[in-house]
Amino acid sequence: MLFNRIQELNTSKIKWRSEATSIQSENMESVTDEANESRLRISE
């Protein structure tokens, strides 16, 4: 049952990946920026 759920998630991931590539990369950039900022805060 869990395996079927994982397959469903992977299938839907592939479907939206092509549509959301630019949004995804923008999100990744902002996540990376946030991670860098929090690293700076931790090191201060």
C-alpha atoms as a PDB file:
ATOM      1  CA  MET A   1       0.000   0.000   0.000  1.00  0.00           C
ATOM      2  CA  LEU A   2       2.792   2.416   0.911  1.00  0.00           C
ATOM      3  CA  PHE A   3       4.659   1.466  -2.244  1.00  0.00           C
ATOM      4  CA  ASN A   4       1.598   2.317  -4.357  1.00  0.00           C
ATOM      5  CA  ARG A   5       1.360   5.693  -2.629  1.00  0.00           C
ATOM      6  CA  ILE A   6       5.043   6.385  -3.351  1.00  0.00           C
ATOM      7  CA  GLN A   7       4.489   5.474  -7.009  1.00  0.00           C
ATOM      8  CA  GLU A   8       1.513   7.854  -7.183  1.00  0.00           C
ATOM      9  CA  LEU A   9       3.574  10.670  -5.700  1.00  0.00           C
ATOM     10  CA  ASN A  10       6.453  10.016  -8.105  1.00  0.00           C
ATOM     11  CA  THR A  11       4.066   9.985 -11.068  1.00  0.00           C
ATOM     12  CA  SER A  12       2.452  13.276 -10.097  1.00  0.00           C
ATOM     13  CA  LYS A  13       5.909  14.729  -9.435  1.00  0.00           C
ATOM     14  CA  ILE A  14       6.939  13.904 -13.009  1.00  0.00           C
ATOM     15  CA  LYS A  15       3.692  15.447 -14.326  1.00  0.00           C
ATOM     16  CA  TRP A  16       4.118  18.792 -12.648  1.00  0.00           C
ATOM     17  CA  ARG A  17       7.901  18.942 -12.866  1.00  0.00           C
ATOM     18  CA  SER A  18       7.848  20.018 -16.521  1.00  0.00           C
ATOM     19  CA  GLU A  19       5.241  22.695 -15.780  1.00  0.00           C
ATOM     20  CA  ALA A  20       6.863  23.984 -12.613  1.00  0.00           C
ATOM     21  CA  THR A  21      10.579  23.942 -13.474  1.00  0.00           C
ATOM     22  CA  SER A  22      10.988  27.720 -13.376  1.00  0.00           C
ATOM     23  CA  ILE A  23       8.909  28.081 -10.198  1.00  0.00           C
ATOM     24  CA  GLN A  24      10.859  25.221  -8.646  1.00  0.00           C
ATOM     25  CA  SER A  25      14.226  26.820  -9.421  1.00  0.00           C
ATOM     26  CA  GLU A  26      13.020  30.136  -7.999  1.00  0.00           C
ATOM     27  CA  ASN A  27      11.920  28.336  -4.840  1.00  0.00           C
ATOM     28  CA  MET A  28      15.258  26.555  -4.633  1.00  0.00           C
ATOM     29  CA  GLU A  29      17.074  29.880  -4.930  1.00  0.00           C
ATOM     30  CA  SER A  30      15.040  31.426  -2.124  1.00  0.00           C
ATOM     31  CA  VAL A  31      15.505  28.326   0.045  1.00  0.00           C
ATOM     32  CA  THR A  32      19.251  28.496  -0.596  1.00  0.00           C
ATOM     33  CA  ASP A  33      19.263  32.211   0.288  1.00  0.00           C
ATOM     34  CA  GLU A  34      17.389  31.499   3.511  1.00  0.00           C
ATOM     35  CA  ALA A  35      19.785  28.673   4.375  1.00  0.00           C
ATOM     36  CA  ASN A  36      22.784  30.930   3.753  1.00  0.00           C
ATOM     37  CA  GLU A  37      21.265  33.684   5.893  1.00  0.00           C
ATOM     38  CA  SER A  38      20.591  31.325   8.773  1.00  0.00           C
ATOM     39  CA  ARG A  39      24.136  29.936   8.475  1.00  0.00           C
ATOM     40  CA  LEU A  40      25.473  33.471   8.742  1.00  0.00           C
ATOM     41  CA  ARG A  41      23.296  34.098  11.795  1.00  0.00           C
ATOM     42  CA  ILE A  42      24.529  30.887  13.429  1.00  0.00           C
ATOM     43  CA  SER A  43      28.182  31.726  12.798  1.00  0.00           C
ATOM     44  CA  GLU A  44      27.901  35.242  14.240  1.00  0.00           C
END
